[in-house]
Every structure is written in structure tokens, then in C-alpha cells.
């Protein structure tokens, strides 16, 4: 028996709906659980492993630190990361989709595009031809990424943002909702319609 467990809350519920639409025949159960220690190690994981011969997982959260914690804990138990592509998404047969990726309803991933491990391409978002979306990056609803764009790791692209063709976005950067980006962005920068020019992105305190 095989189970797909999706960790998270709000985004996880959207991911679970997609999984039930396209993966229900692949798993005996599709479950949604909130991830927290020590509950994960003490109860959730042992219960799943006692009931199912194979455990697949998906980290259905956009927060990078939380997602990395989930992935690390699951991989340490030899669980299998699972990518979920909504049946209404348009994904080119020439696109490359990594492990643990979510491509949401009506999203588009164009020809020769690459979406690396544990990235999110959310509802109505689009990724242009030959673009690269780095691992743990989230492209939020309605965002538009033009062709030949390079987006680094752990980047957040807000809802309805637009990235011009051929630019590069550095690791750990954030692009706010409704923001038009026409030039390269260095790592760890914030770009927003609310400010005149990009500024260093403040990291969350642990």
C-alpha cells in the first residue's frame, strides 16, 4: 500500500485537491497533515510507516525554512518526494520538472523550461520558454515569467508580478505582487512597486 502525505495548511489544501484530481489512482490514500516536531517523529511518521509499505510526501508550503525542514525530515526517513501537476496545467513535453514540485491549476510551463526541486508554480502563473526556476522558489498566482529568465534558489515572486525576458534573479530575492522587473536582480534583494529601486532583503530572524 502507498500513501501520499501533503504537509502544510492553506497551500497544502490546494495541493491536495490537485493530487486527488490527478493522482488518486496512484495512492491508496492522500492525506494532509500539519508538520511540527516532535509530533512528526513521535506519532505521524511511525503511524504511516506501520500502515503503508511506501510513503510519498509533498511539502505544500511556500515558506522556505518550513519547507526545507519538512523535506529534510521526510528524506531522512527515506520517504519519496512527489511532484503534483494539476490536470488543467499546461506543461510542455520538453519542460523539465524536478522532485516535489507543484504546478497549480491553469498554470503554464513552456517548452525547454526547467522547474527545479520543491518549487511552486501556482494558480494561473506562467513560465516562459527556456526559463529556469530554482529549487525552493515560489511563483505565486498570476505571475508572468517571460522567456529565457533565470530565477535562482529560494526566490519569492509575488502574485501578478512580471519578469521581463532574458533577465536573471539572484538567490533568496523577493519580488512583490504586481511588480514589473526589467533588469537583473542581485541575490538577496527586494524589488517592489512600493519602492523606487531594489533594496537588500531583510532575513527573518530565527
Protein backbone atom coordinates (compact mmCIF):
# COMPACT_ATOMS: atom_id res chain seq x y z
CA UNK A 1 0.00 0.00 0.00
CA UNK A 2 1.14 3.53 -0.79
CA UNK A 3 0.18 6.87 0.72
CA UNK A 4 0.79 10.46 -0.36
CA UNK A 5 1.05 12.82 2.59
CA UNK A 6 0.96 16.56 1.98
CA UNK A 7 2.30 18.75 4.76
CA UNK A 8 1.01 22.27 5.38
CA UNK A 9 -2.23 24.16 5.79
CA UNK A 10 -3.61 26.62 3.22
CA UNK A 11 -1.45 25.85 0.18
CA UNK A 12 -1.43 22.19 1.17
CA UNK A 13 -5.22 22.02 0.79
CA UNK A 14 -4.93 23.37 -2.76
CA UNK A 15 -2.19 20.85 -3.50
CA UNK A 16 -4.31 18.04 -2.06
CA UNK A 17 -7.22 18.96 -4.35
CA UNK A 18 -4.88 18.74 -7.32
CA UNK A 19 -3.49 15.40 -6.14
CA UNK A 20 -6.97 13.97 -5.75
CA UNK A 21 -7.75 15.05 -9.32
CA UNK A 22 -4.67 13.56 -10.96
CA UNK A 23 -3.08 11.04 -8.57
CA UNK A 24 -5.96 9.32 -6.78
CA UNK A 25 -5.38 6.08 -8.70
CA UNK A 26 -1.70 6.03 -7.75
CA UNK A 27 -2.19 6.02 -3.98
CA UNK A 28 -4.38 4.18 -1.52
CA UNK A 29 -4.74 7.40 0.49
CA UNK A 30 -3.99 11.10 0.08
CA UNK A 31 -3.60 12.81 3.47
CA UNK A 32 -2.97 16.38 4.65
CA UNK A 33 -1.13 16.93 7.91
CA UNK A 34 0.40 19.90 9.70
CA UNK A 35 4.15 19.42 10.24
CA UNK A 36 5.58 20.02 13.68
CA UNK A 37 8.11 18.32 15.90
CA UNK A 38 8.02 16.23 18.00
CA UNK A 39 4.60 15.12 16.70
CA UNK A 40 6.07 14.19 13.31
CA UNK A 41 8.76 11.88 14.68
CA UNK A 42 6.76 10.55 17.62
CA UNK A 43 3.39 9.83 16.05
CA UNK A 44 2.76 10.81 12.41
CA UNK A 45 5.75 9.07 10.84
CA UNK A 46 5.59 5.80 12.84
CA UNK A 47 1.85 5.52 12.19
CA UNK A 48 2.27 5.94 8.44
CA UNK A 49 5.21 3.55 8.24
CA UNK A 50 3.31 0.87 10.15
CA UNK A 51 0.31 1.10 7.81
CA UNK A 52 1.86 1.68 4.37
CA UNK A 53 4.71 -0.02 2.54
CA UNK A 54 5.58 3.17 0.65
CA UNK A 55 5.26 6.75 1.84
CA UNK A 56 5.36 9.61 -0.66
CA UNK A 57 5.41 13.21 0.51
CA UNK A 58 4.88 16.74 -0.71
CA UNK A 59 5.78 19.89 1.23
CA UNK A 60 2.78 22.09 0.46
CA UNK A 61 4.14 25.33 1.92
CA UNK A 62 5.76 28.40 0.37
CA UNK A 63 7.85 29.36 3.41
CA UNK A 64 11.39 28.25 2.54
CA UNK A 65 12.61 27.43 6.05
CA UNK A 66 9.49 25.40 6.84
CA UNK A 67 9.69 23.57 3.52
CA UNK A 68 13.36 22.71 4.00
CA UNK A 69 12.61 21.35 7.47
CA UNK A 70 9.82 19.17 6.09
CA UNK A 71 11.93 17.89 3.20
CA UNK A 72 14.90 17.12 5.46
CA UNK A 73 12.76 15.17 7.94
CA UNK A 74 11.00 13.15 5.24
CA UNK A 75 14.10 12.36 3.19
CA UNK A 76 15.86 11.21 6.37
CA UNK A 77 13.16 8.53 6.67
CA UNK A 78 13.64 7.51 3.01
CA UNK A 79 10.24 8.83 2.02
CA UNK A 80 9.79 9.65 -1.65
CA UNK A 81 9.21 13.24 -2.87
CA UNK A 82 6.26 13.53 -5.23
CA UNK A 83 5.52 16.22 -7.82
CA UNK A 84 1.90 17.23 -8.37
CA UNK A 85 0.75 18.75 -11.65
CA UNK A 86 -2.86 19.89 -11.74
CA UNK A 87 -4.77 18.33 -14.67
CA UNK A 88 -5.60 21.80 -16.06
CA UNK A 89 -1.95 22.91 -16.06
CA UNK A 90 -0.19 23.12 -19.42
CA UNK A 91 3.29 21.63 -19.13
CA UNK A 92 5.36 21.25 -22.27
CA UNK A 93 6.62 17.78 -23.00
CA UNK A 94 10.06 19.39 -23.37
CA UNK A 95 9.95 21.01 -19.93
CA UNK A 96 11.90 19.54 -17.03
CA UNK A 97 10.10 19.16 -13.71
CA UNK A 98 12.08 18.35 -10.57
CA UNK A 99 11.19 16.46 -7.40
CA UNK A 100 8.44 17.64 -5.07
CA UNK A 101 7.20 20.35 -7.46
CA UNK A 102 3.65 21.74 -7.51
CA UNK A 103 2.22 23.14 -10.75
CA UNK A 104 -1.20 24.59 -9.99
CA UNK A 105 -4.47 24.97 -11.87
CA UNK A 106 -4.23 26.70 -15.26
CA UNK A 107 -0.50 27.32 -14.83
CA UNK A 108 1.81 27.10 -17.86
CA UNK A 109 5.36 25.75 -18.10
CA UNK A 110 6.61 26.36 -21.62
CA UNK A 111 8.98 24.47 -23.86
CA UNK A 112 12.54 23.87 -22.62
CA UNK A 113 11.72 25.47 -19.26
CA UNK A 114 13.13 23.90 -16.09
CA UNK A 115 11.41 23.86 -12.70
CA UNK A 116 13.84 22.60 -10.08
CA UNK A 117 13.15 20.57 -6.93
CA UNK A 118 10.47 21.68 -4.44
CA UNK A 119 9.42 24.76 -6.43
CA UNK A 120 5.83 26.04 -6.68
CA UNK A 121 4.22 27.34 -9.87
CA UNK A 122 0.89 28.49 -8.52
CA UNK A 123 -2.57 29.15 -10.00
CA UNK A 124 -2.52 30.93 -13.39
CA UNK A 125 1.24 31.55 -13.21
CA UNK A 126 3.29 31.06 -16.38
CA UNK A 127 6.92 30.20 -17.05
CA UNK A 128 8.27 31.16 -20.47
CA UNK A 129 10.39 29.10 -22.82
CA UNK A 130 13.96 28.24 -21.76
CA UNK A 131 13.47 29.76 -18.32
CA UNK A 132 14.82 28.20 -15.13
CA UNK A 133 13.04 28.30 -11.77
CA UNK A 134 15.44 27.41 -8.96
CA UNK A 135 14.79 24.96 -6.16
CA UNK A 136 12.52 26.03 -3.29
CA UNK A 137 11.33 29.01 -5.34
CA UNK A 138 7.65 30.04 -5.30
CA UNK A 139 5.94 31.69 -8.26
CA UNK A 140 2.64 32.91 -6.83
CA UNK A 141 -0.77 33.17 -8.56
CA UNK A 142 -0.91 35.08 -11.81
CA UNK A 143 2.81 35.87 -12.02
CA UNK A 144 4.32 36.00 -15.52
CA UNK A 145 7.87 34.89 -16.22
CA UNK A 146 8.96 35.66 -19.78
CA UNK A 147 11.29 33.57 -21.92
CA UNK A 148 14.90 32.82 -21.03
CA UNK A 149 14.66 34.10 -17.45
CA UNK A 150 16.97 32.66 -14.79
CA UNK A 151 15.43 32.60 -11.31
CA UNK A 152 17.70 31.49 -8.50
CA UNK A 153 17.03 29.36 -5.45
CA UNK A 154 14.62 30.26 -2.65
CA UNK A 155 13.12 33.20 -4.55
CA UNK A 156 9.60 34.51 -3.96
CA UNK A 157 7.79 36.00 -6.96
CA UNK A 158 4.55 37.64 -5.83
CA UNK A 159 1.11 37.44 -7.38
CA UNK A 160 0.73 39.11 -10.78
CA UNK A 161 4.37 40.17 -10.93
CA UNK A 162 6.03 40.30 -14.37
CA UNK A 163 9.63 39.32 -15.17
CA UNK A 164 10.99 40.63 -18.46
CA UNK A 165 12.64 38.30 -20.98
CA UNK A 166 16.28 37.37 -20.55
CA UNK A 167 16.86 38.69 -17.02
CA UNK A 168 18.35 36.91 -14.01
CA UNK A 169 17.02 36.93 -10.45
CA UNK A 170 19.55 36.14 -7.73
CA UNK A 171 19.11 33.56 -4.98
CA UNK A 172 16.97 34.49 -1.95
CA UNK A 173 15.40 37.52 -3.61
CA UNK A 174 11.79 38.66 -3.29
CA UNK A 175 9.63 40.30 -5.93
CA UNK A 176 6.45 41.75 -4.52
CA UNK A 177 3.00 41.39 -6.04
CA UNK A 178 2.24 43.50 -9.14
CA UNK A 179 5.91 44.39 -9.62
CA UNK A 180 7.44 44.70 -13.10
CA UNK A 181 11.09 43.62 -13.22
CA UNK A 182 13.03 44.67 -16.33
CA UNK A 183 16.64 44.26 -15.16
CA UNK A 184 18.80 41.66 -13.44
CA UNK A 185 18.36 41.42 -9.69
CA UNK A 186 21.27 40.61 -7.39
CA UNK A 187 20.94 37.91 -4.70
CA UNK A 188 19.00 38.69 -1.51
CA UNK A 189 17.25 41.76 -2.89
CA UNK A 190 13.70 43.05 -2.57
CA UNK A 191 12.01 44.54 -5.61
CA UNK A 192 8.61 46.16 -5.15
CA UNK A 193 6.19 48.65 -6.73
CA UNK A 194 6.22 50.37 -3.33
CA UNK A 195 9.87 51.44 -3.55
CA UNK A 196 11.86 53.31 -6.21
CA UNK A 197 14.65 50.77 -6.59
CA UNK A 198 15.61 47.31 -5.27
CA UNK A 199 16.89 47.16 -1.70
CA UNK A 200 18.56 44.39 0.35
CA UNK A 201 16.03 41.87 1.58
CA UNK A 202 15.85 41.56 5.34
CA UNK A 203 16.04 37.97 6.51
CA UNK A 204 13.57 36.65 9.05
CA UNK A 205 15.04 36.16 12.49
CA UNK A 206 15.13 32.53 13.54
